[in-house]
């Protein structure tokens, strides 16, 4: 049986933390509206938020900045990899 939310397979967060996670996700996705919101981008954002929280971050702004930095790094690495191919 497939899990409906595989990103949360091994995660458990308190209500305050899930509220912050949802707020960061919504803000990040809204800021990405200029480039569209393919499902893969939404999943990448969610994964980065979960990873930040699992590492102990609880500050909303710090989570946002970590996700933004990770997404920028991934985009840069993807661009560099395409140039080398």
C-alpha atoms as a PDB file:
ATOM      1  CA  UNK A   1       0.000   0.000   0.000  1.00  0.00           C
ATOM      2  CA  UNK A   2       1.441   3.363  -1.003  1.00  0.00           C
ATOM      3  CA  UNK A   3       1.831   6.031   1.656  1.00  0.00           C
ATOM      4  CA  UNK A   4      -0.149   9.193   0.884  1.00  0.00           C
ATOM      5  CA  UNK A   5       2.570  11.522   2.260  1.00  0.00           C
ATOM      6  CA  UNK A   6       5.964   9.836   1.904  1.00  0.00           C
ATOM      7  CA  UNK A   7       7.780  13.029   2.968  1.00  0.00           C
ATOM      8  CA  UNK A   8       6.388  12.492   6.450  1.00  0.00           C
ATOM      9  CA  UNK A   9       7.108   8.767   6.672  1.00  0.00           C
ATOM     10  CA  UNK A  10       9.539   9.070   9.587  1.00  0.00           C
ATOM     11  CA  UNK A  11       8.589  12.456  10.967  1.00  0.00           C
ATOM     12  CA  UNK A  12       6.565  13.591  13.944  1.00  0.00           C
ATOM     13  CA  UNK A  13       6.160  17.266  14.806  1.00  0.00           C
ATOM     14  CA  UNK A  14       4.196  19.116  17.459  1.00  0.00           C
ATOM     15  CA  UNK A  15       1.289  21.398  16.450  1.00  0.00           C
ATOM     16  CA  UNK A  16       3.295  24.633  16.779  1.00  0.00           C
ATOM     17  CA  UNK A  17       6.060  23.240  14.583  1.00  0.00           C
ATOM     18  CA  UNK A  18       3.658  22.007  11.905  1.00  0.00           C
ATOM     19  CA  UNK A  19       2.030  25.459  11.890  1.00  0.00           C
ATOM     20  CA  UNK A  20       5.424  27.091  11.265  1.00  0.00           C
ATOM     21  CA  UNK A  21       6.241  24.507   8.596  1.00  0.00           C
ATOM     22  CA  UNK A  22       2.954  25.221   6.815  1.00  0.00           C
ATOM     23  CA  UNK A  23       3.515  28.980   6.957  1.00  0.00           C
ATOM     24  CA  UNK A  24       7.023  28.682   5.532  1.00  0.00           C
ATOM     25  CA  UNK A  25       5.802  26.329   2.790  1.00  0.00           C
ATOM     26  CA  UNK A  26       2.960  28.671   1.806  1.00  0.00           C
ATOM     27  CA  UNK A  27       5.254  31.711   1.753  1.00  0.00           C
ATOM     28  CA  UNK A  28       7.933  29.893  -0.235  1.00  0.00           C
ATOM     29  CA  UNK A  29       5.454  28.563  -2.812  1.00  0.00           C
ATOM     30  CA  UNK A  30       3.827  31.994  -3.128  1.00  0.00           C
ATOM     31  CA  UNK A  31       7.228  33.580  -3.754  1.00  0.00           C
ATOM     32  CA  UNK A  32       7.890  30.984  -6.464  1.00  0.00           C
ATOM     33  CA  UNK A  33       4.667  31.844  -8.319  1.00  0.00           C
ATOM     34  CA  UNK A  34       6.694  33.868 -10.785  1.00  0.00           C
ATOM     35  CA  UNK A  35       8.318  30.692 -12.122  1.00  0.00           C
ATOM     36  CA  UNK A  36       5.347  28.388 -11.699  1.00  0.00           C
ATOM     37  CA  UNK A  37       4.764  25.671  -9.174  1.00  0.00           C
ATOM     38  CA  UNK A  38       5.405  22.245 -10.620  1.00  0.00           C
ATOM     39  CA  UNK A  39       4.798  19.424  -8.157  1.00  0.00           C
ATOM     40  CA  UNK A  40       8.498  18.576  -8.100  1.00  0.00           C
ATOM     41  CA  UNK A  41       9.278  22.098  -6.833  1.00  0.00           C
ATOM     42  CA  UNK A  42       6.605  21.850  -4.154  1.00  0.00           C
ATOM     43  CA  UNK A  43       8.028  18.504  -3.025  1.00  0.00           C
ATOM     44  CA  UNK A  44      11.569  19.892  -2.975  1.00  0.00           C
ATOM     45  CA  UNK A  45      10.446  22.830  -0.822  1.00  0.00           C
ATOM     46  CA  UNK A  46       8.581  20.511   1.545  1.00  0.00           C
ATOM     47  CA  UNK A  47      11.585  18.182   1.800  1.00  0.00           C
ATOM     48  CA  UNK A  48      13.914  21.092   2.631  1.00  0.00           C
ATOM     49  CA  UNK A  49      11.519  22.384   5.305  1.00  0.00           C
ATOM     50  CA  UNK A  50      11.253  18.948   6.885  1.00  0.00           C
ATOM     51  CA  UNK A  51      15.023  18.498   6.862  1.00  0.00           C
ATOM     52  CA  UNK A  52      15.572  21.892   8.525  1.00  0.00           C
ATOM     53  CA  UNK A  53      13.040  21.091  11.240  1.00  0.00           C
ATOM     54  CA  UNK A  54      14.438  17.597  11.762  1.00  0.00           C
ATOM     55  CA  UNK A  55      17.840  19.227  12.341  1.00  0.00           C
ATOM     56  CA  UNK A  56      16.263  21.233  15.153  1.00  0.00           C
ATOM     57  CA  UNK A  57      15.440  24.569  13.527  1.00  0.00           C
ATOM     58  CA  UNK A  58      12.191  26.086  14.773  1.00  0.00           C
ATOM     59  CA  UNK A  59      12.551  29.758  13.837  1.00  0.00           C
ATOM     60  CA  UNK A  60      10.268  30.563  10.906  1.00  0.00           C
ATOM     61  CA  UNK A  61      12.630  33.052   9.264  1.00  0.00           C
ATOM     62  CA  UNK A  62      15.649  30.780   9.692  1.00  0.00           C
ATOM     63  CA  UNK A  63      13.768  27.869   8.103  1.00  0.00           C
ATOM     64  CA  UNK A  64      12.750  30.083   5.176  1.00  0.00           C
ATOM     65  CA  UNK A  65      16.322  31.263   4.653  1.00  0.00           C
ATOM     66  CA  UNK A  66      17.687  27.705   4.819  1.00  0.00           C
ATOM     67  CA  UNK A  67      15.160  26.499   2.254  1.00  0.00           C
ATOM     68  CA  UNK A  68      15.864  29.456  -0.005  1.00  0.00           C
ATOM     69  CA  UNK A  69      19.629  28.843   0.199  1.00  0.00           C
ATOM     70  CA  UNK A  70      19.219  25.119  -0.455  1.00  0.00           C
ATOM     71  CA  UNK A  71      16.976  25.734  -3.454  1.00  0.00           C
ATOM     72  CA  UNK A  72      19.411  28.310  -4.872  1.00  0.00           C
ATOM     73  CA  UNK A  73      22.316  25.912  -4.383  1.00  0.00           C
ATOM     74  CA  UNK A  74      20.418  23.103  -6.101  1.00  0.00           C
ATOM     75  CA  UNK A  75      19.586  25.357  -9.047  1.00  0.00           C
ATOM     76  CA  UNK A  76      23.210  26.473  -9.325  1.00  0.00           C
ATOM     77  CA  UNK A  77      24.503  22.902  -9.155  1.00  0.00           C
ATOM     78  CA  UNK A  78      21.997  21.818 -11.782  1.00  0.00           C
ATOM     79  CA  UNK A  79      23.123  24.606 -14.090  1.00  0.00           C
ATOM     80  CA  UNK A  80      26.799  23.728 -13.609  1.00  0.00           C
ATOM     81  CA  UNK A  81      26.126  20.036 -14.236  1.00  0.00           C
ATOM     82  CA  UNK A  82      24.348  20.826 -17.514  1.00  0.00           C
ATOM     83  CA  UNK A  83      27.287  22.919 -18.673  1.00  0.00           C
ATOM     84  CA  UNK A  84      29.701  20.029 -18.082  1.00  0.00           C
ATOM     85  CA  UNK A  85      27.592  17.507 -19.972  1.00  0.00           C
END
